[in-house]
Amino acid sequence: MYPPKPNPNYPPTAPMGVPTGAAATNQYYPAGPIESQVPQMGFPTTTYEPNPKPHYYPSVPPMGGAANQHYPAGPSELQVQSPGPQLWSTRLCGCSEDCGNFCMTCCCPCVTFGRIAEIVDRGSTSCCASGTLYGLLECFACFQCVYSCFYRSKLRSQYSLVETPCNDCFVHCCCEPCALSQEYRELKNRGFDMSIGWHANMERQGRLATMQPAIQGGMFR
């Protein structure tokens, strides 16, 4: 027997352009190119840091007094200093500053009280009604001082007046005419025309406020 003839196509040859030899993984096909030797295509890799969180600066500090990195600790509300007690514009015994009113108060205190009550109540009660009630209490019960001292306290609270020289009830019980005259002068010195009542005073103030821009414009021409 004769040995078979060698096949010229066996073993198969490696493809063209591919190195052979020690890099081959087997006896037929060589290994491919090493990945690290292949140039990386595309854009270079860049490391980006995460975007910082936007800072929010509120226009108004948080309520409650909590401190943070933007606002220090503080009171939850604005500390508005209210004006302290104010002095009366006239003394209790300064009746000589308005002798006409003092004489009217001594003769007919219900008129003075009625005018005071209408201004203090801001028009909710009339001068006639308050004066009549004052006169009835004076004639039948002698409790007019208790009624009038209530309006003195109300007047003081409206204008932050001090309680002087003593308690309101004591002032009216000890010297009713002087107390009424002082309250009358106080309202008069604050710009009220006591003879026309609350509503007429408001109308007059409205007219003055309307005329004031025209007056100022004429002065600066």
N, C-alpha and C. Protein backbone atom coordinates (compact mmCIF):
# COMPACT_ATOMS: atom_id res chain seq x y z
N MET A 1 0.84 -1.19 0.00
CA MET A 1 0.00 0.00 0.00
C MET A 1 0.86 1.23 0.00
N TYR A 2 0.33 2.19 -0.65
CA TYR A 2 1.08 3.44 -0.77
C TYR A 2 0.50 4.47 0.18
N PRO A 3 1.31 5.29 0.84
CA PRO A 3 0.77 6.34 1.73
C PRO A 3 0.01 7.40 0.93
N PRO A 4 -1.01 7.99 1.55
CA PRO A 4 -1.80 9.01 0.81
C PRO A 4 -0.95 10.23 0.51
N LYS A 5 -1.34 10.84 -0.57
CA LYS A 5 -0.61 12.03 -0.98
C LYS A 5 -0.99 13.21 -0.09
N PRO A 6 -0.08 14.01 0.26
CA PRO A 6 -0.40 15.18 1.12
C PRO A 6 -1.31 16.18 0.39
N ASN A 7 -2.24 16.68 1.15
CA ASN A 7 -3.18 17.68 0.60
C ASN A 7 -2.53 19.05 0.72
N PRO A 8 -2.38 19.76 -0.38
CA PRO A 8 -1.70 21.09 -0.29
C PRO A 8 -2.54 22.14 0.47
N ASN A 9 -3.86 21.95 0.61
CA ASN A 9 -4.73 22.94 1.33
C ASN A 9 -4.92 22.62 2.80
N TYR A 10 -4.17 21.60 3.27
CA TYR A 10 -4.31 21.21 4.67
C TYR A 10 -2.96 21.27 5.34
N PRO A 11 -2.78 21.88 6.42
CA PRO A 11 -3.80 22.64 7.18
C PRO A 11 -4.09 23.99 6.55
N PRO A 12 -5.21 24.54 6.85
CA PRO A 12 -5.56 25.83 6.22
C PRO A 12 -4.59 26.93 6.65
N THR A 13 -4.42 27.83 5.76
CA THR A 13 -3.50 28.95 6.03
C THR A 13 -4.23 30.06 6.74
N ALA A 14 -3.45 30.81 7.47
CA ALA A 14 -4.01 31.95 8.21
C ALA A 14 -4.37 33.08 7.28
N PRO A 15 -5.35 33.86 7.59
CA PRO A 15 -5.70 35.00 6.72
C PRO A 15 -4.54 35.96 6.59
N MET A 16 -4.61 36.70 5.51
CA MET A 16 -3.53 37.65 5.25
C MET A 16 -3.60 38.81 6.23
N GLY A 17 -2.43 39.28 6.65
CA GLY A 17 -2.35 40.44 7.53
C GLY A 17 -2.44 40.13 9.00
N VAL A 18 -2.64 38.84 9.34
CA VAL A 18 -2.75 38.47 10.73
C VAL A 18 -1.48 37.75 11.13
N PRO A 19 -0.81 38.17 12.17
CA PRO A 19 0.45 37.51 12.56
C PRO A 19 0.19 36.09 13.03
N THR A 20 1.21 35.31 12.80
CA THR A 20 1.15 33.90 13.19
C THR A 20 2.34 33.58 14.06
N GLY A 21 2.39 32.40 14.54
CA GLY A 21 3.52 31.99 15.36
C GLY A 21 3.09 31.84 16.80
N ALA A 22 3.86 32.52 17.69
CA ALA A 22 3.62 32.37 19.12
C ALA A 22 2.29 32.97 19.54
N ALA A 23 1.78 33.95 18.76
CA ALA A 23 0.52 34.59 19.10
C ALA A 23 -0.69 33.75 18.74
N ALA A 24 -0.47 32.64 18.01
CA ALA A 24 -1.60 31.82 17.57
C ALA A 24 -2.14 31.04 18.74
N THR A 25 -3.50 30.95 18.80
CA THR A 25 -4.13 30.20 19.86
C THR A 25 -4.17 28.71 19.57
N ASN A 26 -4.10 28.34 18.32
CA ASN A 26 -4.02 26.92 17.95
C ASN A 26 -3.17 26.80 16.71
N GLN A 27 -3.15 25.61 16.20
CA GLN A 27 -2.25 25.39 15.06
C GLN A 27 -2.83 25.84 13.74
N TYR A 28 -4.11 26.25 13.82
CA TYR A 28 -4.74 26.65 12.55
C TYR A 28 -4.98 28.15 12.44
N TYR A 29 -5.50 28.74 13.51
CA TYR A 29 -5.88 30.17 13.45
C TYR A 29 -5.10 30.96 14.49
N PRO A 30 -4.50 31.98 14.07
CA PRO A 30 -3.73 32.79 15.03
C PRO A 30 -4.68 33.63 15.90
N ALA A 31 -4.10 34.11 16.95
CA ALA A 31 -4.88 34.99 17.85
C ALA A 31 -5.05 36.37 17.23
N GLY A 32 -6.14 37.01 17.57
CA GLY A 32 -6.39 38.36 17.05
C GLY A 32 -5.50 39.38 17.75
N PRO A 33 -5.60 40.62 17.34
CA PRO A 33 -4.76 41.68 17.95
C PRO A 33 -5.18 41.91 19.41
N ILE A 34 -4.22 42.23 20.19
CA ILE A 34 -4.48 42.52 21.60
C ILE A 34 -5.29 43.81 21.70
N GLU A 35 -6.36 43.82 22.58
CA GLU A 35 -7.27 44.97 22.66
C GLU A 35 -6.56 46.23 23.12
N SER A 36 -5.59 46.06 23.98
CA SER A 36 -4.90 47.25 24.48
C SER A 36 -4.10 47.95 23.41
N GLN A 37 -3.77 47.17 22.30
CA GLN A 37 -3.00 47.78 21.23
C GLN A 37 -3.86 48.48 20.20
N VAL A 38 -5.18 48.33 20.30
CA VAL A 38 -6.07 48.98 19.35
C VAL A 38 -6.36 50.39 19.84
N PRO A 39 -6.14 51.39 19.04
CA PRO A 39 -6.39 52.78 19.50
C PRO A 39 -7.87 52.99 19.78
N GLN A 40 -8.17 53.67 20.91
CA GLN A 40 -9.54 53.99 21.31
C GLN A 40 -10.05 55.15 20.47
N MET A 41 -11.21 54.92 19.88
CA MET A 41 -11.82 55.95 19.04
C MET A 41 -12.84 56.74 19.84
N GLY A 42 -13.11 57.93 19.42
CA GLY A 42 -14.13 58.76 20.06
C GLY A 42 -13.51 59.89 20.87
N PHE A 43 -14.35 60.56 21.69
CA PHE A 43 -13.90 61.71 22.47
C PHE A 43 -13.22 61.25 23.74
N PRO A 44 -12.27 62.00 24.21
CA PRO A 44 -11.60 61.63 25.47
C PRO A 44 -12.59 61.66 26.63
N THR A 45 -12.38 60.78 27.56
CA THR A 45 -13.25 60.68 28.72
C THR A 45 -12.90 61.79 29.71
N THR A 46 -13.94 62.52 30.16
CA THR A 46 -13.75 63.63 31.11
C THR A 46 -14.62 63.37 32.33
N THR A 47 -14.01 63.53 33.48
CA THR A 47 -14.73 63.29 34.72
C THR A 47 -15.39 64.59 35.16
N TYR A 48 -16.71 64.57 35.35
CA TYR A 48 -17.48 65.73 35.77
C TYR A 48 -17.98 65.52 37.19
N GLU A 49 -17.82 66.58 37.99
CA GLU A 49 -18.36 66.52 39.34
C GLU A 49 -19.85 66.86 39.31
N PRO A 50 -20.60 66.28 40.20
CA PRO A 50 -22.05 66.60 40.21
C PRO A 50 -22.29 68.08 40.51
N ASN A 51 -23.28 68.63 39.84
CA ASN A 51 -23.59 70.05 40.03
C ASN A 51 -24.03 70.32 41.46
N PRO A 52 -23.51 71.36 42.07
CA PRO A 52 -23.96 71.67 43.46
C PRO A 52 -25.40 72.10 43.48
N LYS A 53 -26.06 71.86 44.58
CA LYS A 53 -27.45 72.26 44.72
C LYS A 53 -27.56 73.78 44.77
N PRO A 54 -28.52 74.31 44.04
CA PRO A 54 -28.66 75.78 44.07
C PRO A 54 -29.06 76.26 45.45
N HIS A 55 -28.46 77.38 45.85
CA HIS A 55 -28.77 77.97 47.14
C HIS A 55 -30.00 78.85 47.00
N TYR A 56 -30.87 78.71 47.93
CA TYR A 56 -32.09 79.51 47.93
C TYR A 56 -32.03 80.46 49.11
N TYR A 57 -32.05 81.75 48.78
CA TYR A 57 -32.01 82.77 49.81
C TYR A 57 -33.39 83.43 49.88
N PRO A 58 -34.20 83.04 50.80
CA PRO A 58 -35.53 83.67 50.91
C PRO A 58 -35.41 85.13 51.27
N SER A 59 -36.38 85.90 50.77
CA SER A 59 -36.35 87.34 51.04
C SER A 59 -36.75 87.68 52.46
N VAL A 60 -37.46 86.79 53.13
CA VAL A 60 -37.91 87.03 54.50
C VAL A 60 -37.36 85.94 55.38
N PRO A 61 -36.76 86.25 56.51
CA PRO A 61 -36.22 85.22 57.40
C PRO A 61 -37.32 84.29 57.86
N PRO A 62 -37.00 83.04 58.07
CA PRO A 62 -38.01 82.11 58.55
C PRO A 62 -38.53 82.50 59.91
N MET A 63 -39.85 82.28 60.10
CA MET A 63 -40.47 82.63 61.36
C MET A 63 -40.14 81.56 62.39
N GLY A 64 -40.29 81.92 63.63
CA GLY A 64 -40.05 80.96 64.68
C GLY A 64 -38.73 81.12 65.38
N GLY A 65 -37.83 81.99 64.82
CA GLY A 65 -36.58 82.24 65.50
C GLY A 65 -35.51 81.19 65.25
N ALA A 66 -35.69 80.28 64.28
CA ALA A 66 -34.70 79.25 64.03
C ALA A 66 -33.51 79.85 63.30
N ALA A 67 -32.30 79.52 63.72
CA ALA A 67 -31.09 80.04 63.09
C ALA A 67 -30.62 79.07 62.03
N ASN A 68 -30.10 79.58 60.89
CA ASN A 68 -29.50 78.76 59.87
C ASN A 68 -28.31 79.51 59.30
N GLN A 69 -27.82 79.01 58.15
CA GLN A 69 -26.60 79.59 57.61
C GLN A 69 -26.83 80.96 56.99
N HIS A 70 -28.10 81.34 56.78
CA HIS A 70 -28.38 82.61 56.15
C HIS A 70 -28.88 83.66 57.14
N TYR A 71 -29.65 83.23 58.13
CA TYR A 71 -30.26 84.17 59.06
C TYR A 71 -29.94 83.77 60.49
N PRO A 72 -29.52 84.69 61.30
CA PRO A 72 -29.27 84.36 62.70
C PRO A 72 -30.58 84.20 63.44
N ALA A 73 -30.47 83.65 64.62
CA ALA A 73 -31.66 83.46 65.45
C ALA A 73 -32.18 84.82 65.90
N GLY A 74 -33.49 84.94 65.94
CA GLY A 74 -34.09 86.19 66.34
C GLY A 74 -35.53 85.98 66.71
N PRO A 75 -36.20 87.03 67.10
CA PRO A 75 -37.61 86.91 67.49
C PRO A 75 -38.46 86.59 66.28
N SER A 76 -39.57 85.93 66.52
CA SER A 76 -40.46 85.54 65.44
C SER A 76 -41.23 86.73 64.89
N GLU A 77 -41.37 87.78 65.62
CA GLU A 77 -42.08 88.96 65.16
C GLU A 77 -41.17 90.18 65.32
N LEU A 78 -41.49 91.18 64.51
CA LEU A 78 -40.72 92.42 64.60
C LEU A 78 -40.97 93.08 65.94
N GLN A 79 -39.89 93.51 66.52
CA GLN A 79 -40.00 94.16 67.81
C GLN A 79 -40.27 95.65 67.58
N VAL A 80 -41.53 95.96 67.57
CA VAL A 80 -41.94 97.35 67.39
C VAL A 80 -42.20 97.96 68.75
N GLN A 81 -41.45 98.96 69.04
CA GLN A 81 -41.59 99.60 70.34
C GLN A 81 -42.77 100.56 70.30
N SER A 82 -43.77 100.26 71.08
CA SER A 82 -44.94 101.12 71.16
C SER A 82 -44.60 102.34 72.01
N PRO A 83 -45.18 103.47 71.66
CA PRO A 83 -44.90 104.68 72.46
C PRO A 83 -45.37 104.50 73.88
N GLY A 84 -44.62 105.02 74.80
CA GLY A 84 -44.97 104.90 76.21
C GLY A 84 -46.09 105.85 76.58
N PRO A 85 -46.47 105.84 77.83
CA PRO A 85 -47.54 106.72 78.30
C PRO A 85 -47.18 108.19 78.08
N GLN A 86 -48.16 108.94 77.66
CA GLN A 86 -47.97 110.36 77.39
C GLN A 86 -48.63 111.19 78.48
N LEU A 87 -48.12 112.40 78.65
CA LEU A 87 -48.66 113.32 79.63
C LEU A 87 -49.87 114.06 79.07
N TRP A 88 -50.73 114.47 79.95
CA TRP A 88 -51.86 115.28 79.54
C TRP A 88 -51.36 116.65 79.06
N SER A 89 -52.10 117.22 78.16
CA SER A 89 -51.68 118.53 77.63
C SER A 89 -51.89 119.64 78.66
N THR A 90 -52.79 119.45 79.60
CA THR A 90 -53.03 120.43 80.67
C THR A 90 -53.12 119.72 82.02
N ARG A 91 -52.91 120.46 83.07
CA ARG A 91 -52.99 119.89 84.41
C ARG A 91 -54.45 119.72 84.84
N LEU A 92 -54.64 118.92 85.87
CA LEU A 92 -55.99 118.71 86.39
C LEU A 92 -56.57 120.01 86.94
N CYS A 93 -55.72 120.79 87.57
CA CYS A 93 -56.17 122.06 88.14
C CYS A 93 -55.90 123.25 87.22
N GLY A 94 -55.71 122.99 85.94
CA GLY A 94 -55.46 124.09 85.00
C GLY A 94 -56.74 124.62 84.39
N CYS A 95 -57.74 124.80 85.20
CA CYS A 95 -59.05 125.26 84.69
C CYS A 95 -59.00 126.68 84.17
N SER A 96 -58.00 127.45 84.62
CA SER A 96 -57.91 128.84 84.18
C SER A 96 -57.52 128.94 82.71
N GLU A 97 -57.06 127.86 82.11
CA GLU A 97 -56.69 127.89 80.70
C GLU A 97 -57.91 127.95 79.79
N ASP A 98 -59.07 127.54 80.30
CA ASP A 98 -60.32 127.64 79.54
C ASP A 98 -61.42 127.96 80.55
N CYS A 99 -61.48 129.20 80.92
CA CYS A 99 -62.43 129.61 81.97
C CYS A 99 -63.87 129.45 81.52
N GLY A 100 -64.15 129.65 80.24
CA GLY A 100 -65.51 129.51 79.76
C GLY A 100 -66.04 128.09 79.92
N ASN A 101 -65.21 127.13 79.57
CA ASN A 101 -65.64 125.74 79.73
C ASN A 101 -65.76 125.35 81.19
N PHE A 102 -64.88 125.87 82.02
CA PHE A 102 -64.95 125.51 83.44
C PHE A 102 -66.23 126.05 84.08
N CYS A 103 -66.63 127.25 83.70
CA CYS A 103 -67.87 127.80 84.23
C CYS A 103 -69.08 127.01 83.75
N MET A 104 -69.06 126.60 82.47
CA MET A 104 -70.15 125.79 81.96
C MET A 104 -70.20 124.44 82.65
N THR A 105 -69.02 123.85 82.94
CA THR A 105 -68.97 122.55 83.60
C THR A 105 -69.51 122.64 85.03
N CYS A 106 -69.21 123.71 85.71
CA CYS A 106 -69.72 123.86 87.08
C CYS A 106 -71.23 124.06 87.10
N CYS A 107 -71.75 124.78 86.12
CA CYS A 107 -73.19 125.06 86.10
C CYS A 107 -73.99 123.90 85.50
N CYS A 108 -73.47 123.32 84.42
CA CYS A 108 -74.20 122.26 83.71
C CYS A 108 -73.20 121.21 83.22
N PRO A 109 -72.75 120.34 84.10
CA PRO A 109 -71.73 119.37 83.69
C PRO A 109 -72.23 118.37 82.66
N CYS A 110 -73.53 118.20 82.54
CA CYS A 110 -74.02 117.22 81.56
C CYS A 110 -73.69 117.62 80.12
N VAL A 111 -73.61 118.94 79.86
CA VAL A 111 -73.24 119.39 78.51
C VAL A 111 -71.79 119.05 78.20
N THR A 112 -70.91 119.36 79.13
CA THR A 112 -69.49 119.04 78.93
C THR A 112 -69.29 117.54 78.78
N PHE A 113 -69.94 116.77 79.63
CA PHE A 113 -69.79 115.31 79.54
C PHE A 113 -70.36 114.77 78.23
N GLY A 114 -71.51 115.29 77.79
CA GLY A 114 -72.10 114.80 76.54
C GLY A 114 -71.18 115.03 75.35
N ARG A 115 -70.52 116.18 75.30
CA ARG A 115 -69.60 116.46 74.20
C ARG A 115 -68.37 115.55 74.27
N ILE A 116 -67.88 115.31 75.47
CA ILE A 116 -66.72 114.42 75.63
C ILE A 116 -67.10 113.00 75.20
N ALA A 117 -68.27 112.53 75.65
CA ALA A 117 -68.68 111.16 75.35
C ALA A 117 -68.86 110.94 73.86
N GLU A 118 -69.39 111.92 73.13
CA GLU A 118 -69.59 111.75 71.69
C GLU A 118 -68.26 111.62 70.95
N ILE A 119 -67.27 112.39 71.35
CA ILE A 119 -65.96 112.32 70.69
C ILE A 119 -65.25 111.01 71.06
N VAL A 120 -65.31 110.64 72.33
CA VAL A 120 -64.62 109.43 72.77
C VAL A 120 -65.27 108.19 72.14
N ASP A 121 -66.59 108.18 72.03
CA ASP A 121 -67.29 107.06 71.39
C ASP A 121 -67.25 107.14 69.88
N ARG A 122 -66.66 108.17 69.32
CA ARG A 122 -66.49 108.35 67.88
C ARG A 122 -67.82 108.31 67.14
N GLY A 123 -68.79 109.02 67.70
CA GLY A 123 -70.06 109.19 67.03
C GLY A 123 -71.08 108.09 67.25
N SER A 124 -70.72 107.04 67.97
CA SER A 124 -71.68 105.96 68.21
C SER A 124 -72.78 106.38 69.17
N THR A 125 -72.50 107.36 70.02
CA THR A 125 -73.52 107.94 70.90
C THR A 125 -73.54 109.44 70.68
N SER A 126 -74.70 110.04 70.85
CA SER A 126 -74.84 111.48 70.62
C SER A 126 -74.59 112.25 71.92
N CYS A 127 -74.31 113.50 71.75
CA CYS A 127 -74.08 114.37 72.90
C CYS A 127 -75.35 114.48 73.75
N CYS A 128 -76.49 114.56 73.09
CA CYS A 128 -77.75 114.72 73.82
C CYS A 128 -78.07 113.49 74.66
N ALA A 129 -77.87 112.29 74.08
CA ALA A 129 -78.20 111.06 74.81
C ALA A 129 -77.27 110.87 76.00
N SER A 130 -75.97 111.08 75.81
CA SER A 130 -75.02 110.90 76.91
C SER A 130 -75.23 111.95 77.99
N GLY A 131 -75.48 113.19 77.59
CA GLY A 131 -75.71 114.25 78.57
C GLY A 131 -76.98 114.03 79.38
N THR A 132 -78.04 113.53 78.71
CA THR A 132 -79.29 113.26 79.42
C THR A 132 -79.12 112.15 80.45
N LEU A 133 -78.43 111.09 80.05
CA LEU A 133 -78.19 109.99 80.99
C LEU A 133 -77.34 110.45 82.17
N TYR A 134 -76.35 111.28 81.90
CA TYR A 134 -75.53 111.83 82.98
C TYR A 134 -76.38 112.66 83.95
N GLY A 135 -77.28 113.47 83.40
CA GLY A 135 -78.14 114.30 84.26
C GLY A 135 -79.09 113.47 85.10
N LEU A 136 -79.62 112.38 84.54
CA LEU A 136 -80.51 111.50 85.30
C LEU A 136 -79.78 110.81 86.44
N LEU A 137 -78.56 110.33 86.16
CA LEU A 137 -77.77 109.69 87.22
C LEU A 137 -77.41 110.70 88.32
N GLU A 138 -77.18 111.93 87.93
CA GLU A 138 -76.83 112.96 88.93
C GLU A 138 -78.02 113.31 89.81
N CYS A 139 -79.19 113.34 89.23
CA CYS A 139 -80.37 113.77 89.99
C CYS A 139 -80.95 112.66 90.87
N PHE A 140 -80.96 111.43 90.38
CA PHE A 140 -81.69 110.38 91.08
C PHE A 140 -80.79 109.35 91.77
N ALA A 141 -79.58 109.16 91.33
CA ALA A 141 -78.75 108.10 91.91
C ALA A 141 -77.41 108.61 92.43
N CYS A 142 -77.00 109.77 91.99
CA CYS A 142 -75.68 110.33 92.38
C CYS A 142 -74.54 109.39 92.00
N PHE A 143 -74.70 108.67 90.89
CA PHE A 143 -73.66 107.78 90.39
C PHE A 143 -73.03 108.31 89.11
N GLN A 144 -73.19 109.62 88.88
CA GLN A 144 -72.63 110.18 87.65
C GLN A 144 -71.11 110.08 87.61
N CYS A 145 -70.45 110.06 88.77
CA CYS A 145 -68.99 109.96 88.80
C CYS A 145 -68.52 108.60 88.28
N VAL A 146 -69.26 107.56 88.62
CA VAL A 146 -68.91 106.22 88.14
C VAL A 146 -69.07 106.14 86.63
N TYR A 147 -70.10 106.78 86.12
CA TYR A 147 -70.35 106.79 84.67
C TYR A 147 -69.29 107.60 83.93
N SER A 148 -68.93 108.75 84.47
CA SER A 148 -67.96 109.61 83.78
C SER A 148 -66.53 109.10 83.89
N CYS A 149 -66.20 108.40 84.98
CA CYS A 149 -64.83 107.89 85.10
C CYS A 149 -64.55 106.80 84.07
N PHE A 150 -65.59 106.10 83.62
CA PHE A 150 -65.41 105.11 82.56
C PHE A 150 -64.92 105.78 81.28
N TYR A 151 -65.44 106.94 80.96
CA TYR A 151 -65.01 107.65 79.75
C TYR A 151 -63.62 108.26 79.92
N ARG A 152 -63.25 108.57 81.11
CA ARG A 152 -61.87 109.04 81.33
C ARG A 152 -60.88 107.91 81.05
N SER A 153 -61.20 106.72 81.52
CA SER A 153 -60.34 105.56 81.25
C SER A 153 -60.29 105.25 79.76
N LYS A 154 -61.42 105.37 79.08
CA LYS A 154 -61.46 105.12 77.63
C LYS A 154 -60.65 106.16 76.87
N LEU A 155 -60.72 107.41 77.31
CA LEU A 155 -59.93 108.46 76.68
C LEU A 155 -58.44 108.22 76.87
N ARG A 156 -58.05 107.81 78.06
CA ARG A 156 -56.64 107.54 78.31
C ARG A 156 -56.11 106.40 77.45
N SER A 157 -56.92 105.36 77.28
CA SER A 157 -56.48 104.21 76.47
C SER A 157 -56.35 104.58 75.00
N GLN A 158 -57.18 105.48 74.51
CA GLN A 158 -57.10 105.88 73.10
C GLN A 158 -55.84 106.68 72.80
N TYR A 159 -55.41 107.50 73.75
CA TYR A 159 -54.26 108.39 73.51
C TYR A 159 -53.07 108.06 74.41
N SER A 160 -53.10 106.91 75.07
CA SER A 160 -51.97 106.45 75.91
C SER A 160 -51.59 107.49 76.95
N LEU A 161 -52.56 108.01 77.64
CA LEU A 161 -52.33 109.03 78.66
C LEU A 161 -52.10 108.37 80.01
N VAL A 162 -51.27 109.00 80.82
CA VAL A 162 -50.94 108.45 82.13
C VAL A 162 -52.13 108.64 83.08
N GLU A 163 -52.23 107.75 84.03
CA GLU A 163 -53.28 107.83 85.05
C GLU A 163 -52.77 108.69 86.19
N THR A 164 -53.04 109.95 86.10
CA THR A 164 -52.54 110.91 87.08
C THR A 164 -53.64 111.91 87.43
N PRO A 165 -53.64 112.44 88.63
CA PRO A 165 -52.71 112.23 89.75
C PRO A 165 -53.00 110.97 90.56
N CYS A 166 -54.16 110.31 90.30
CA CYS A 166 -54.51 109.08 91.01
C CYS A 166 -55.47 108.30 90.13
N ASN A 167 -56.13 107.32 90.71
CA ASN A 167 -57.07 106.49 89.97
C ASN A 167 -58.19 107.33 89.36
N ASP A 168 -58.71 106.87 88.20
CA ASP A 168 -59.73 107.64 87.49
C ASP A 168 -60.98 107.85 88.34
N CYS A 169 -61.40 106.82 89.05
CA CYS A 169 -62.61 106.96 89.89
C CYS A 169 -62.40 107.97 91.00
N PHE A 170 -61.22 107.96 91.60
CA PHE A 170 -60.94 108.92 92.66
C PHE A 170 -60.91 110.34 92.13
N VAL A 171 -60.37 110.50 90.93
CA VAL A 171 -60.31 111.84 90.34
C VAL A 171 -61.71 112.39 90.13
N HIS A 172 -62.61 111.58 89.60
CA HIS A 172 -63.97 112.05 89.34
C HIS A 172 -64.78 112.20 90.63
N CYS A 173 -64.54 111.33 91.58
CA CYS A 173 -65.30 111.44 92.83
C CYS A 173 -64.87 112.64 93.66
N CYS A 174 -63.58 112.94 93.62
CA CYS A 174 -63.06 114.04 94.44
C CYS A 174 -63.24 115.40 93.77
N CYS A 175 -63.09 115.46 92.45
CA CYS A 175 -63.16 116.74 91.76
C CYS A 175 -63.74 116.52 90.37
N GLU A 176 -65.04 116.34 90.31
CA GLU A 176 -65.71 116.06 89.03
C GLU A 176 -65.58 117.20 88.03
N PRO A 177 -65.83 118.45 88.41
CA PRO A 177 -65.71 119.54 87.42
C PRO A 177 -64.30 119.67 86.84
N CYS A 178 -63.28 119.53 87.68
CA CYS A 178 -61.91 119.64 87.18
C CYS A 178 -61.57 118.50 86.23
N ALA A 179 -62.05 117.29 86.55
CA ALA A 179 -61.77 116.14 85.69
C ALA A 179 -62.43 116.31 84.33
N LEU A 180 -63.69 116.71 84.31
CA LEU A 180 -64.37 116.92 83.03
C LEU A 180 -63.73 118.04 82.23
N SER A 181 -63.33 119.10 82.90
CA SER A 181 -62.69 120.21 82.19
C SER A 181 -61.35 119.79 81.59
N GLN A 182 -60.59 119.00 82.32
CA GLN A 182 -59.31 118.53 81.79
C GLN A 182 -59.51 117.66 80.56
N GLU A 183 -60.48 116.76 80.60
CA GLU A 183 -60.75 115.90 79.45
C GLU A 183 -61.25 116.72 78.26
N TYR A 184 -62.07 117.72 78.53
CA TYR A 184 -62.56 118.60 77.48
C TYR A 184 -61.40 119.34 76.81
N ARG A 185 -60.49 119.88 77.61
CA ARG A 185 -59.34 120.60 77.06
C ARG A 185 -58.41 119.67 76.30
N GLU A 186 -58.28 118.45 76.77
CA GLU A 186 -57.40 117.50 76.08
C GLU A 186 -57.88 117.22 74.67
N LEU A 187 -59.16 116.97 74.50
CA LEU A 187 -59.71 116.73 73.17
C LEU A 187 -59.65 117.99 72.31
N LYS A 188 -59.87 119.12 72.93
CA LYS A 188 -59.81 120.38 72.19
C LYS A 188 -58.39 120.65 71.70
N ASN A 189 -57.40 120.37 72.53
CA ASN A 189 -56.01 120.59 72.14
C ASN A 189 -55.55 119.59 71.07
N ARG A 190 -56.26 118.52 70.92
CA ARG A 190 -55.92 117.53 69.88
C ARG A 190 -56.63 117.81 68.56
N GLY A 191 -57.27 118.95 68.45
CA GLY A 191 -57.81 119.39 67.18
C GLY A 191 -59.30 119.23 67.01
N PHE A 192 -60.02 118.83 68.04
CA PHE A 192 -61.47 118.66 67.92
C PHE A 192 -62.18 119.96 68.28
N ASP A 193 -63.20 120.24 67.49
CA ASP A 193 -64.12 121.33 67.82
C ASP A 193 -65.26 120.71 68.63
N MET A 194 -65.24 120.90 69.93
CA MET A 194 -66.16 120.19 70.81
C MET A 194 -67.61 120.60 70.62
N SER A 195 -67.87 121.72 70.02
CA SER A 195 -69.25 122.21 69.90
C SER A 195 -69.98 121.65 68.68
N ILE A 196 -69.28 120.99 67.75
CA ILE A 196 -69.94 120.52 66.52
C ILE A 196 -70.11 119.01 66.48
N GLY A 197 -69.51 118.27 67.39
CA GLY A 197 -69.70 116.82 67.42
C GLY A 197 -68.71 116.07 66.56
N TRP A 198 -68.81 114.73 66.64
CA TRP A 198 -67.85 113.86 65.97
C TRP A 198 -67.98 113.90 64.45
N HIS A 199 -69.17 113.74 63.92
CA HIS A 199 -69.34 113.64 62.47
C HIS A 199 -68.94 114.94 61.77
N ALA A 200 -69.28 116.07 62.35
CA ALA A 200 -68.88 117.34 61.74
C ALA A 200 -67.36 117.51 61.78
N ASN A 201 -66.73 117.02 62.83
CA ASN A 201 -65.26 117.07 62.88
C ASN A 201 -64.64 116.22 61.80
N MET A 202 -65.21 115.03 61.53
CA MET A 202 -64.67 114.17 60.48
C MET A 202 -64.85 114.80 59.10
N GLU A 203 -65.97 115.45 58.87
CA GLU A 203 -66.17 116.13 57.59
C GLU A 203 -65.18 117.28 57.42
N ARG A 204 -64.94 117.99 58.49
CA ARG A 204 -63.99 119.10 58.41
C ARG A 204 -62.58 118.59 58.13
N GLN A 205 -62.19 117.51 58.78
CA GLN A 205 -60.87 116.94 58.51
C GLN A 205 -60.76 116.44 57.08
N GLY A 206 -61.86 115.87 56.54
CA GLY A 206 -61.83 115.43 55.15
C GLY A 206 -61.65 116.59 54.18
N ARG A 207 -62.32 117.69 54.44
CA ARG A 207 -62.15 118.86 53.57
C ARG A 207 -60.73 119.41 53.66
N LEU A 208 -60.19 119.44 54.85
CA LEU A 208 -58.82 119.94 54.99
C LEU A 208 -57.82 119.04 54.27
N ALA A 209 -58.05 117.71 54.33
CA ALA A 209 -57.15 116.78 53.64
C ALA A 209 -57.25 116.94 52.13
N THR A 210 -58.45 117.28 51.62
CA THR A 210 -58.62 117.50 50.18
C THR A 210 -57.99 118.80 49.73
N MET A 211 -58.07 119.81 50.55
CA MET A 211 -57.52 121.12 50.19
C MET A 211 -56.02 121.22 50.39
N GLN A 212 -55.44 120.33 51.17
CA GLN A 212 -54.02 120.45 51.49
C GLN A 212 -53.12 120.33 50.26
N PRO A 213 -53.34 119.36 49.31
CA PRO A 213 -52.47 119.32 48.12
C PRO A 213 -52.54 120.59 47.29
N ALA A 214 -53.75 121.17 47.16
CA ALA A 214 -53.88 122.40 46.39
C ALA A 214 -53.16 123.56 47.06
N ILE A 215 -53.24 123.61 48.38
CA ILE A 215 -52.54 124.67 49.11
C ILE A 215 -51.04 124.54 48.96
N GLN A 216 -50.54 123.29 49.09
CA GLN A 216 -49.11 123.07 48.93
C GLN A 216 -48.64 123.37 47.52
N GLY A 217 -49.47 123.03 46.51
CA GLY A 217 -49.08 123.35 45.13
C GLY A 217 -49.01 124.83 44.88
N GLY A 218 -49.91 125.61 45.49
CA GLY A 218 -49.86 127.06 45.33
C GLY A 218 -48.69 127.70 46.04
N MET A 219 -48.25 127.08 47.12
CA MET A 219 -47.14 127.65 47.87
C MET A 219 -45.83 127.47 47.14
N PHE A 220 -45.67 126.37 46.36
CA PHE A 220 -44.39 126.10 45.73
C PHE A 220 -44.35 126.54 44.28
N ARG A 221 -45.33 127.28 43.84
CA ARG A 221 -45.28 127.80 42.46
C ARG A 221 -44.28 128.92 42.33
